[in-house]
Amino acid sequence: GRTRWSSTDVGRLPGGEEDGPPLVADGTLYASGPQPGSGEKAGEGARWGVHALDAARGRVLWSMPVESAGAPSAAAGGALLHVYADGTVQTFTGPDSA
């Protein structure tokens, strides 16, 4: 097959395994990357955020900054993304969700 889309400004959202696959649920791909609007490049020391992308098209649906110094783990389902880091659970949903 051929590549349908690619993105270089997001990375894998850790889910417990160091080199695990991207987190995909309900047609949305969740990834981590530099905080939205930070202008930072991915890498050590960068403040990070979570990004929700349309899994079929690669279009960014929403992005949110996450305040954490620790390595996160995550789970998703029902249009929600749950991120655990530094002893705190944060739940994210898209901007159009109630």
PDB file of N, CA and C in Angstrom:
ATOM      1  N   GLY A   1       0.808  -1.178   0.000  1.00  0.00           N
ATOM      2  CA  GLY A   1       0.000   0.000   0.000  1.00  0.00           C
ATOM      3  C   GLY A   1       0.859   1.252   0.000  1.00  0.00           C
ATOM      4  N   ARG A   2       0.196   2.364  -0.017  1.00  0.00           N
ATOM      5  CA  ARG A   2       0.883   3.650  -0.020  1.00  0.00           C
ATOM      6  C   ARG A   2       0.604   4.397   1.283  1.00  0.00           C
ATOM      7  N   THR A   3       1.414   5.367   1.585  1.00  0.00           N
ATOM      8  CA  THR A   3       1.225   6.184   2.774  1.00  0.00           C
ATOM      9  C   THR A   3       0.032   7.105   2.565  1.00  0.00           C
ATOM     10  N   ARG A   4      -0.927   7.058   3.469  1.00  0.00           N
ATOM     11  CA  ARG A   4      -2.107   7.932   3.369  1.00  0.00           C
ATOM     12  C   ARG A   4      -1.830   9.300   3.958  1.00  0.00           C
ATOM     13  N   TRP A   5      -1.071   9.343   5.052  1.00  0.00           N
ATOM     14  CA  TRP A   5      -0.689  10.608   5.660  1.00  0.00           C
ATOM     15  C   TRP A   5       0.457  10.361   6.618  1.00  0.00           C
ATOM     16  N   SER A   6       1.169  11.417   6.970  1.00  0.00           N
ATOM     17  CA  SER A   6       2.228  11.328   7.969  1.00  0.00           C
ATOM     18  C   SER A   6       2.305  12.664   8.702  1.00  0.00           C
ATOM     19  N   SER A   7       2.880  12.629   9.883  1.00  0.00           N
ATOM     20  CA  SER A   7       3.031  13.832  10.689  1.00  0.00           C
ATOM     21  C   SER A   7       4.361  13.756  11.412  1.00  0.00           C
ATOM     22  N   THR A   8       5.108  14.838  11.394  1.00  0.00           N
ATOM     23  CA  THR A   8       6.400  14.853  12.077  1.00  0.00           C
ATOM     24  C   THR A   8       6.384  15.722  13.330  1.00  0.00           C
ATOM     25  N   ASP A   9       5.250  16.358  13.631  1.00  0.00           N
ATOM     26  CA  ASP A   9       5.220  17.254  14.787  1.00  0.00           C
ATOM     27  C   ASP A   9       4.571  16.642  16.023  1.00  0.00           C
ATOM     28  N   VAL A  10       4.292  15.349  15.998  1.00  0.00           N
ATOM     29  CA  VAL A  10       3.777  14.645  17.171  1.00  0.00           C
ATOM     30  C   VAL A  10       4.568  13.361  17.345  1.00  0.00           C
ATOM     31  N   GLY A  11       4.511  12.789  18.529  1.00  0.00           N
ATOM     32  CA  GLY A  11       5.206  11.542  18.792  1.00  0.00           C
ATOM     33  C   GLY A  11       4.301  10.564  19.493  1.00  0.00           C
ATOM     34  N   ARG A  12       4.849   9.431  19.866  1.00  0.00           N
ATOM     35  CA  ARG A  12       4.088   8.381  20.530  1.00  0.00           C
ATOM     36  C   ARG A  12       3.682   8.835  21.926  1.00  0.00           C
ATOM     37  N   LEU A  13       2.445   8.551  22.296  1.00  0.00           N
ATOM     38  CA  LEU A  13       1.979   8.812  23.657  1.00  0.00           C
ATOM     39  C   LEU A  13       2.200   7.538  24.455  1.00  0.00           C
ATOM     40  N   PRO A  14       3.113   7.544  25.421  1.00  0.00           N
ATOM     41  CA  PRO A  14       3.431   6.315  26.138  1.00  0.00           C
ATOM     42  C   PRO A  14       2.203   5.686  26.770  1.00  0.00           C
ATOM     43  N   GLY A  15       2.131   4.375  26.658  1.00  0.00           N
ATOM     44  CA  GLY A  15       1.012   3.650  27.241  1.00  0.00           C
ATOM     45  C   GLY A  15       1.495   2.482  28.064  1.00  0.00           C
ATOM     46  N   GLY A  16       2.708   2.542  28.562  1.00  0.00           N
ATOM     47  CA  GLY A  16       3.235   1.490  29.403  1.00  0.00           C
ATOM     48  C   GLY A  16       4.418   0.781  28.779  1.00  0.00           C
ATOM     49  N   GLU A  17       4.441   0.647  27.461  1.00  0.00           N
ATOM     50  CA  GLU A  17       5.563   0.000  26.794  1.00  0.00           C
ATOM     51  C   GLU A  17       6.393   1.060  26.098  1.00  0.00           C
ATOM     52  N   GLU A  18       7.700   0.932  26.197  1.00  0.00           N
ATOM     53  CA  GLU A  18       8.600   1.951  25.661  1.00  0.00           C
ATOM     54  C   GLU A  18       8.405   2.203  24.176  1.00  0.00           C
ATOM     55  N   ASP A  19       8.227   1.160  23.391  1.00  0.00           N
ATOM     56  CA  ASP A  19       8.086   1.331  21.947  1.00  0.00           C
ATOM     57  C   ASP A  19       6.738   0.834  21.456  1.00  0.00           C
ATOM     58  N   GLY A  20       5.702   1.085  22.223  1.00  0.00           N
ATOM     59  CA  GLY A  20       4.370   0.624  21.859  1.00  0.00           C
ATOM     60  C   GLY A  20       3.806   1.367  20.665  1.00  0.00           C
ATOM     61  N   PRO A  21       2.709   0.861  20.122  1.00  0.00           N
ATOM     62  CA  PRO A  21       2.068   1.508  18.979  1.00  0.00           C
ATOM     63  C   PRO A  21       1.349   2.777  19.425  1.00  0.00           C
ATOM     64  N   PRO A  22       0.936   3.620  18.481  1.00  0.00           N
ATOM     65  CA  PRO A  22       0.152   4.802  18.852  1.00  0.00           C
ATOM     66  C   PRO A  22      -1.134   4.368  19.537  1.00  0.00           C
ATOM     67  N   LEU A  23      -1.709   5.256  20.299  1.00  0.00           N
ATOM     68  CA  LEU A  23      -2.961   4.975  20.988  1.00  0.00           C
ATOM     69  C   LEU A  23      -4.101   5.383  20.066  1.00  0.00           C
ATOM     70  N   VAL A  24      -4.933   4.414  19.672  1.00  0.00           N
ATOM     71  CA  VAL A  24      -6.043   4.674  18.755  1.00  0.00           C
ATOM     72  C   VAL A  24      -7.332   4.170  19.388  1.00  0.00           C
ATOM     73  N   ALA A  25      -8.372   5.001  19.376  1.00  0.00           N
ATOM     74  CA  ALA A  25      -9.686   4.609  19.890  1.00  0.00           C
ATOM     75  C   ALA A  25     -10.758   5.399  19.154  1.00  0.00           C
ATOM     76  N   ASP A  26     -11.806   4.718  18.752  1.00  0.00           N
ATOM     77  CA  ASP A  26     -12.967   5.367  18.146  1.00  0.00           C
ATOM     78  C   ASP A  26     -12.604   6.256  16.956  1.00  0.00           C
ATOM     79  N   GLY A  27     -11.649   5.829  16.127  1.00  0.00           N
ATOM     80  CA  GLY A  27     -11.273   6.589  14.940  1.00  0.00           C
ATOM     81  C   GLY A  27     -10.367   7.777  15.196  1.00  0.00           C
ATOM     82  N   THR A  28      -9.887   7.909  16.435  1.00  0.00           N
ATOM     83  CA  THR A  28      -8.988   9.009  16.790  1.00  0.00           C
ATOM     84  C   THR A  28      -7.646   8.444  17.214  1.00  0.00           C
ATOM     85  N   LEU A  29      -6.570   9.031  16.710  1.00  0.00           N
ATOM     86  CA  LEU A  29      -5.215   8.660  17.087  1.00  0.00           C
ATOM     87  C   LEU A  29      -4.722   9.706  18.077  1.00  0.00           C
ATOM     88  N   TYR A  30      -4.258   9.255  19.236  1.00  0.00           N
ATOM     89  CA  TYR A  30      -3.752  10.156  20.262  1.00  0.00           C
ATOM     90  C   TYR A  30      -2.240  10.045  20.291  1.00  0.00           C
ATOM     91  N   ALA A  31      -1.571  11.200  20.308  1.00  0.00           N
ATOM     92  CA  ALA A  31      -0.115  11.229  20.301  1.00  0.00           C
ATOM     93  C   ALA A  31       0.363  12.351  21.212  1.00  0.00           C
ATOM     94  N   SER A  32       1.622  12.286  21.582  1.00  0.00           N
ATOM     95  CA  SER A  32       2.200  13.370  22.366  1.00  0.00           C
ATOM     96  C   SER A  32       3.145  14.163  21.483  1.00  0.00           C
ATOM     97  N   GLY A  33       3.492  15.324  21.936  1.00  0.00           N
ATOM     98  CA  GLY A  33       4.419  16.174  21.210  1.00  0.00           C
ATOM     99  C   GLY A  33       4.616  17.455  21.997  1.00  0.00           C
ATOM    100  N   PRO A  34       5.378  18.377  21.448  1.00  0.00           N
ATOM    101  CA  PRO A  34       5.573  19.648  22.141  1.00  0.00           C
ATOM    102  C   PRO A  34       4.231  20.317  22.424  1.00  0.00           C
ATOM    103  N   GLN A  35       4.173  21.069  23.514  1.00  0.00           N
ATOM    104  CA  GLN A  35       2.934  21.762  23.871  1.00  0.00           C
ATOM    105  C   GLN A  35       2.449  22.608  22.705  1.00  0.00           C
ATOM    106  N   PRO A  36       1.149  22.592  22.453  1.00  0.00           N
ATOM    107  CA  PRO A  36       0.602  23.422  21.386  1.00  0.00           C
ATOM    108  C   PRO A  36       0.977  24.892  21.593  1.00  0.00           C
ATOM    109  N   GLY A  37       1.485  25.508  20.545  1.00  0.00           N
ATOM    110  CA  GLY A  37       1.841  26.922  20.596  1.00  0.00           C
ATOM    111  C   GLY A  37       3.151  27.234  21.284  1.00  0.00           C
ATOM    112  N   SER A  38       3.896  26.207  21.740  1.00  0.00           N
ATOM    113  CA  SER A  38       5.139  26.468  22.472  1.00  0.00           C
ATOM    114  C   SER A  38       6.301  26.790  21.540  1.00  0.00           C
ATOM    115  N   GLY A  39       6.203  26.367  20.286  1.00  0.00           N
ATOM    116  CA  GLY A  39       7.309  26.578  19.355  1.00  0.00           C
ATOM    117  C   GLY A  39       8.487  25.660  19.616  1.00  0.00           C
ATOM    118  N   GLU A  40       8.357  24.744  20.568  1.00  0.00           N
ATOM    119  CA  GLU A  40       9.450  23.830  20.900  1.00  0.00           C
ATOM    120  C   GLU A  40       9.467  22.635  19.963  1.00  0.00           C
ATOM    121  N   LYS A  41      10.630  22.054  19.813  1.00  0.00           N
ATOM    122  CA  LYS A  41      10.797  20.831  19.037  1.00  0.00           C
ATOM    123  C   LYS A  41      10.721  19.647  19.988  1.00  0.00           C
ATOM    124  N   ALA A  42      10.301  18.494  19.466  1.00  0.00           N
ATOM    125  CA  ALA A  42      10.242  17.281  20.281  1.00  0.00           C
ATOM    126  C   ALA A  42      11.638  16.939  20.771  1.00  0.00           C
ATOM    127  N   GLY A  43      11.733  16.444  21.975  1.00  0.00           N
ATOM    128  CA  GLY A  43      13.012  16.038  22.523  1.00  0.00           C
ATOM    129  C   GLY A  43      13.046  16.244  24.019  1.00  0.00           C
ATOM    130  N   GLU A  44      14.164  15.916  24.610  1.00  0.00           N
ATOM    131  CA  GLU A  44      14.301  16.023  26.054  1.00  0.00           C
ATOM    132  C   GLU A  44      14.136  17.456  26.512  1.00  0.00           C
ATOM    133  N   GLY A  45      13.410  17.631  27.587  1.00  0.00           N
ATOM    134  CA  GLY A  45      13.242  18.951  28.164  1.00  0.00           C
ATOM    135  C   GLY A  45      12.093  19.754  27.587  1.00  0.00           C
ATOM    136  N   ALA A  46      11.519  19.308  26.476  1.00  0.00           N
ATOM    137  CA  ALA A  46      10.399  20.044  25.886  1.00  0.00           C
ATOM    138  C   ALA A  46       9.154  19.864  26.745  1.00  0.00           C
ATOM    139  N   ARG A  47       8.408  20.942  26.944  1.00  0.00           N
ATOM    140  CA  ARG A  47       7.101  20.816  27.584  1.00  0.00           C
ATOM    141  C   ARG A  47       6.213  20.092  26.589  1.00  0.00           C
ATOM    142  N   TRP A  48       5.347  19.241  27.086  1.00  0.00           N
ATOM    143  CA  TRP A  48       4.600  18.419  26.142  1.00  0.00           C
ATOM    144  C   TRP A  48       3.104  18.621  26.249  1.00  0.00           C
ATOM    145  N   GLY A  49       2.417  18.134  25.215  1.00  0.00           N
ATOM    146  CA  GLY A  49       0.967  18.194  25.163  1.00  0.00           C
ATOM    147  C   GLY A  49       0.441  16.933  24.513  1.00  0.00           C
ATOM    148  N   VAL A  50      -0.866  16.788  24.525  1.00  0.00           N
ATOM    149  CA  VAL A  50      -1.498  15.665  23.837  1.00  0.00           C
ATOM    150  C   VAL A  50      -2.223  16.204  22.613  1.00  0.00           C
ATOM    151  N   HIS A  51      -2.225  15.407  21.577  1.00  0.00           N
ATOM    152  CA  HIS A  51      -2.812  15.789  20.301  1.00  0.00           C
ATOM    153  C   HIS A  51      -3.741  14.673  19.847  1.00  0.00           C
ATOM    154  N   ALA A  52      -4.935  15.031  19.424  1.00  0.00           N
ATOM    155  CA  ALA A  52      -5.899  14.072  18.883  1.00  0.00           C
ATOM    156  C   ALA A  52      -5.972  14.308  17.381  1.00  0.00           C
ATOM    157  N   LEU A  53      -5.739  13.247  16.612  1.00  0.00           N
ATOM    158  CA  LEU A  53      -5.768  13.347  15.159  1.00  0.00           C
ATOM    159  C   LEU A  53      -6.814  12.407  14.589  1.00  0.00           C
ATOM    160  N   ASP A  54      -7.429  12.805  13.498  1.00  0.00           N
ATOM    161  CA  ASP A  54      -8.326  11.923  12.753  1.00  0.00           C
ATOM    162  C   ASP A  54      -7.457  10.789  12.218  1.00  0.00           C
ATOM    163  N   ALA A  55      -7.705   9.567  12.655  1.00  0.00           N
ATOM    164  CA  ALA A  55      -6.846   8.440  12.286  1.00  0.00           C
ATOM    165  C   ALA A  55      -6.854   8.164  10.789  1.00  0.00           C
ATOM    166  N   ALA A  56      -7.926   8.473  10.096  1.00  0.00           N
ATOM    167  CA  ALA A  56      -8.015   8.203   8.661  1.00  0.00           C
ATOM    168  C   ALA A  56      -7.320   9.266   7.816  1.00  0.00           C
ATOM    169  N   ARG A  57      -7.334  10.515   8.275  1.00  0.00           N
ATOM    170  CA  ARG A  57      -6.823  11.617   7.451  1.00  0.00           C
ATOM    171  C   ARG A  57      -5.591  12.318   8.020  1.00  0.00           C
ATOM    172  N   GLY A  58      -5.332  12.144   9.309  1.00  0.00           N
ATOM    173  CA  GLY A  58      -4.178  12.784   9.928  1.00  0.00           C
ATOM    174  C   GLY A  58      -4.403  14.222  10.340  1.00  0.00           C
ATOM    175  N   ARG A  59      -5.599  14.727  10.180  1.00  0.00           N
ATOM    176  CA  ARG A  59      -5.911  16.114  10.538  1.00  0.00           C
ATOM    177  C   ARG A  59      -5.976  16.234  12.058  1.00  0.00           C
ATOM    178  N   VAL A  60      -5.328  17.264  12.611  1.00  0.00           N
ATOM    179  CA  VAL A  60      -5.370  17.485  14.057  1.00  0.00           C
ATOM    180  C   VAL A  60      -6.772  17.942  14.438  1.00  0.00           C
ATOM    181  N   LEU A  61      -7.398  17.202  15.349  1.00  0.00           N
ATOM    182  CA  LEU A  61      -8.738  17.536  15.829  1.00  0.00           C
ATOM    183  C   LEU A  61      -8.671  18.517  16.993  1.00  0.00           C
ATOM    184  N   TRP A  62      -7.736  18.262  17.901  1.00  0.00           N
ATOM    185  CA  TRP A  62      -7.508  19.155  19.027  1.00  0.00           C
ATOM    186  C   TRP A  62      -6.169  18.835  19.671  1.00  0.00           C
ATOM    187  N   SER A  63      -5.644  19.803  20.405  1.00  0.00           N
ATOM    188  CA  SER A  63      -4.393  19.657  21.150  1.00  0.00           C
ATOM    189  C   SER A  63      -4.551  20.369  22.484  1.00  0.00           C
ATOM    190  N   MET A  64      -3.946  19.797  23.508  1.00  0.00           N
ATOM    191  CA  MET A  64      -4.015  20.392  24.845  1.00  0.00           C
ATOM    192  C   MET A  64      -2.655  20.267  25.523  1.00  0.00           C
ATOM    193  N   PRO A  65      -2.198  21.319  26.208  1.00  0.00           N
ATOM    194  CA  PRO A  65      -0.955  21.205  26.969  1.00  0.00           C
ATOM    195  C   PRO A  65      -1.165  20.331  28.200  1.00  0.00           C
ATOM    196  N   VAL A  66      -0.112  19.644  28.617  1.00  0.00           N
ATOM    197  CA  VAL A  66      -0.142  18.823  29.829  1.00  0.00           C
ATOM    198  C   VAL A  66       1.024  19.258  30.700  1.00  0.00           C
ATOM    199  N   GLU A  67       0.720  19.606  31.928  1.00  0.00           N
ATOM    200  CA  GLU A  67       1.758  20.007  32.876  1.00  0.00           C
ATOM    201  C   GLU A  67       2.245  18.769  33.612  1.00  0.00           C
ATOM    202  N   SER A  68       3.421  18.295  33.262  1.00  0.00           N
ATOM    203  CA  SER A  68       3.962  17.101  33.900  1.00  0.00           C
ATOM    204  C   SER A  68       5.447  16.998  33.630  1.00  0.00           C
ATOM    205  N   ALA A  69       6.186  16.575  34.629  1.00  0.00           N
ATOM    206  CA  ALA A  69       7.607  16.323  34.443  1.00  0.00           C
ATOM    207  C   ALA A  69       7.871  14.836  34.283  1.00  0.00           C
ATOM    208  N   GLY A  70       6.890  14.010  34.627  1.00  0.00           N
ATOM    209  CA  GLY A  70       7.066  12.567  34.586  1.00  0.00           C
ATOM    210  C   GLY A  70       6.622  11.956  33.281  1.00  0.00           C
ATOM    211  N   ALA A  71       6.946  10.691  33.116  1.00  0.00           N
ATOM    212  CA  ALA A  71       6.527   9.949  31.928  1.00  0.00           C
ATOM    213  C   ALA A  71       5.058   9.565  32.082  1.00  0.00           C
ATOM    214  N   PRO A  72       4.224   9.944  31.127  1.00  0.00           N
ATOM    215  CA  PRO A  72       2.796   9.654  31.243  1.00  0.00           C
ATOM    216  C   PRO A  72       2.440   8.261  30.760  1.00  0.00           C
ATOM    217  N   SER A  73       1.291   7.782  31.186  1.00  0.00           N
ATOM    218  CA  SER A  73       0.664   6.618  30.574  1.00  0.00           C
ATOM    219  C   SER A  73      -0.762   7.049  30.263  1.00  0.00           C
ATOM    220  N   ALA A  74      -1.400   6.373  29.314  1.00  0.00           N
ATOM    221  CA  ALA A  74      -2.699   6.855  28.851  1.00  0.00           C
ATOM    222  C   ALA A  74      -3.619   5.716  28.448  1.00  0.00           C
ATOM    223  N   ALA A  75      -4.916   6.021  28.470  1.00  0.00           N
ATOM    224  CA  ALA A  75      -5.956   5.118  27.979  1.00  0.00           C
ATOM    225  C   ALA A  75      -7.015   5.992  27.325  1.00  0.00           C
ATOM    226  N   ALA A  76      -7.717   5.430  26.332  1.00  0.00           N
ATOM    227  CA  ALA A  76      -8.729   6.207  25.619  1.00  0.00           C
ATOM    228  C   ALA A  76      -9.934   5.348  25.298  1.00  0.00           C
ATOM    229  N   GLY A  77     -11.069   6.002  25.163  1.00  0.00           N
ATOM    230  CA  GLY A  77     -12.309   5.347  24.765  1.00  0.00           C
ATOM    231  C   GLY A  77     -13.478   6.278  25.011  1.00  0.00           C
ATOM    232  N   GLY A  78     -14.532   6.117  24.242  1.00  0.00           N
ATOM    233  CA  GLY A  78     -15.711   6.944  24.423  1.00  0.00           C
ATOM    234  C   GLY A  78     -15.444   8.422  24.226  1.00  0.00           C
ATOM    235  N   ALA A  79     -14.553   8.767  23.305  1.00  0.00           N
ATOM    236  CA  ALA A  79     -14.169  10.156  22.995  1.00  0.00           C
ATOM    237  C   ALA A  79     -13.443  10.844  24.148  1.00  0.00           C
ATOM    238  N   LEU A  80     -12.906  10.073  25.098  1.00  0.00           N
ATOM    239  CA  LEU A  80     -12.143  10.622  26.209  1.00  0.00           C
ATOM    240  C   LEU A  80     -10.724  10.086  26.176  1.00  0.00           C
ATOM    241  N   LEU A  81      -9.772  10.917  26.583  1.00  0.00           N
ATOM    242  CA  LEU A  81      -8.382  10.507  26.741  1.00  0.00           C
ATOM    243  C   LEU A  81      -8.018  10.732  28.195  1.00  0.00           C
ATOM    244  N   HIS A  82      -7.574   9.670  28.875  1.00  0.00           N
ATOM    245  CA  HIS A  82      -7.180   9.735  30.278  1.00  0.00           C
ATOM    246  C   HIS A  82      -5.659   9.622  30.338  1.00  0.00           C
ATOM    247  N   VAL A  83      -5.000  10.599  30.944  1.00  0.00           N
ATOM    248  CA  VAL A  83      -3.545  10.621  31.048  1.00  0.00           C
ATOM    249  C   VAL A  83      -3.171  10.615  32.525  1.00  0.00           C
ATOM    250  N   TYR A  84      -2.275   9.691  32.898  1.00  0.00           N
ATOM    251  CA  TYR A  84      -1.775   9.613  34.265  1.00  0.00           C
ATOM    252  C   TYR A  84      -0.307  10.001  34.256  1.00  0.00           C
ATOM    253  N   ALA A  85       0.063  10.981  35.075  1.00  0.00           N
ATOM    254  CA  ALA A  85       1.460  11.387  35.208  1.00  0.00           C
ATOM    255  C   ALA A  85       1.630  12.113  36.537  1.00  0.00           C
ATOM    256  N   ASP A  86       2.740  11.918  37.166  1.00  0.00           N
ATOM    257  CA  ASP A  86       3.069  12.614  38.413  1.00  0.00           C
ATOM    258  C   ASP A  86       1.996  12.459  39.491  1.00  0.00           C
ATOM    259  N   GLY A  87       1.358  11.282  39.571  1.00  0.00           N
ATOM    260  CA  GLY A  87       0.361  11.034  40.601  1.00  0.00           C
ATOM    261  C   GLY A  87      -0.985  11.688  40.355  1.00  0.00           C
ATOM    262  N   THR A  88      -1.205  12.187  39.149  1.00  0.00           N
ATOM    263  CA  THR A  88      -2.459  12.866  38.819  1.00  0.00           C
ATOM    264  C   THR A  88      -3.046  12.288  37.542  1.00  0.00           C
ATOM    265  N   VAL A  89      -4.360  12.104  37.524  1.00  0.00           N
ATOM    266  CA  VAL A  89      -5.065  11.690  36.310  1.00  0.00           C
ATOM    267  C   VAL A  89      -5.752  12.922  35.736  1.00  0.00           C
ATOM    268  N   GLN A  90      -5.547  13.151  34.451  1.00  0.00           N
ATOM    269  CA  GLN A  90      -6.233  14.226  33.738  1.00  0.00           C
ATOM    270  C   GLN A  90      -7.050  13.591  32.628  1.00  0.00           C
ATOM    271  N   THR A  91      -8.276  14.031  32.433  1.00  0.00           N
ATOM    272  CA  THR A  91      -9.122  13.516  31.366  1.00  0.00           C
ATOM    273  C   THR A  91      -9.389  14.638  30.378  1.00  0.00           C
ATOM    274  N   PHE A  92      -9.190  14.327  29.101  1.00  0.00           N
ATOM    275  CA  PHE A  92      -9.355  15.305  28.031  1.00  0.00           C
ATOM    276  C   PHE A  92     -10.453  14.846  27.082  1.00  0.00           C
ATOM    277  N   THR A  93     -11.144  15.807  26.518  1.00  0.00           N
ATOM    278  CA  THR A  93     -12.140  15.549  25.491  1.00  0.00           C
ATOM    279  C   THR A  93     -12.035  16.668  24.466  1.00  0.00           C
ATOM    280  N   GLY A  94     -12.558  16.441  23.305  1.00  0.00           N
ATOM    281  CA  GLY A  94     -12.487  17.456  22.263  1.00  0.00           C
ATOM    282  C   GLY A  94     -13.258  18.711  22.624  1.00  0.00           C
ATOM    283  N   PRO A  95     -12.962  19.828  21.972  1.00  0.00           N
ATOM    284  CA  PRO A  95     -13.595  21.104  22.309  1.00  0.00           C
ATOM    285  C   PRO A  95     -15.094  21.140  22.038  1.00  0.00           C
ATOM    286  N   ASP A  96     -15.602  20.279  21.158  1.00  0.00           N
ATOM    287  CA  ASP A  96     -17.026  20.284  20.832  1.00  0.00           C
ATOM    288  C   ASP A  96     -17.835  19.304  21.667  1.00  0.00           C
ATOM    289  N   SER A  97     -17.185  18.603  22.593  1.00  0.00           N
ATOM    290  CA  SER A  97     -17.882  17.610  23.418  1.00  0.00           C
ATOM    291  C   SER A  97     -18.498  18.267  24.639  1.00  0.00           C
ATOM    292  N   ALA A  98     -19.594  17.695  25.075  1.00  0.00           N
ATOM    293  CA  ALA A  98     -20.256  18.238  26.276  1.00  0.00           C
ATOM    294  C   ALA A  98     -19.693  17.598  27.524  1.00  0.00           C
TER     295      ALA A  98
END
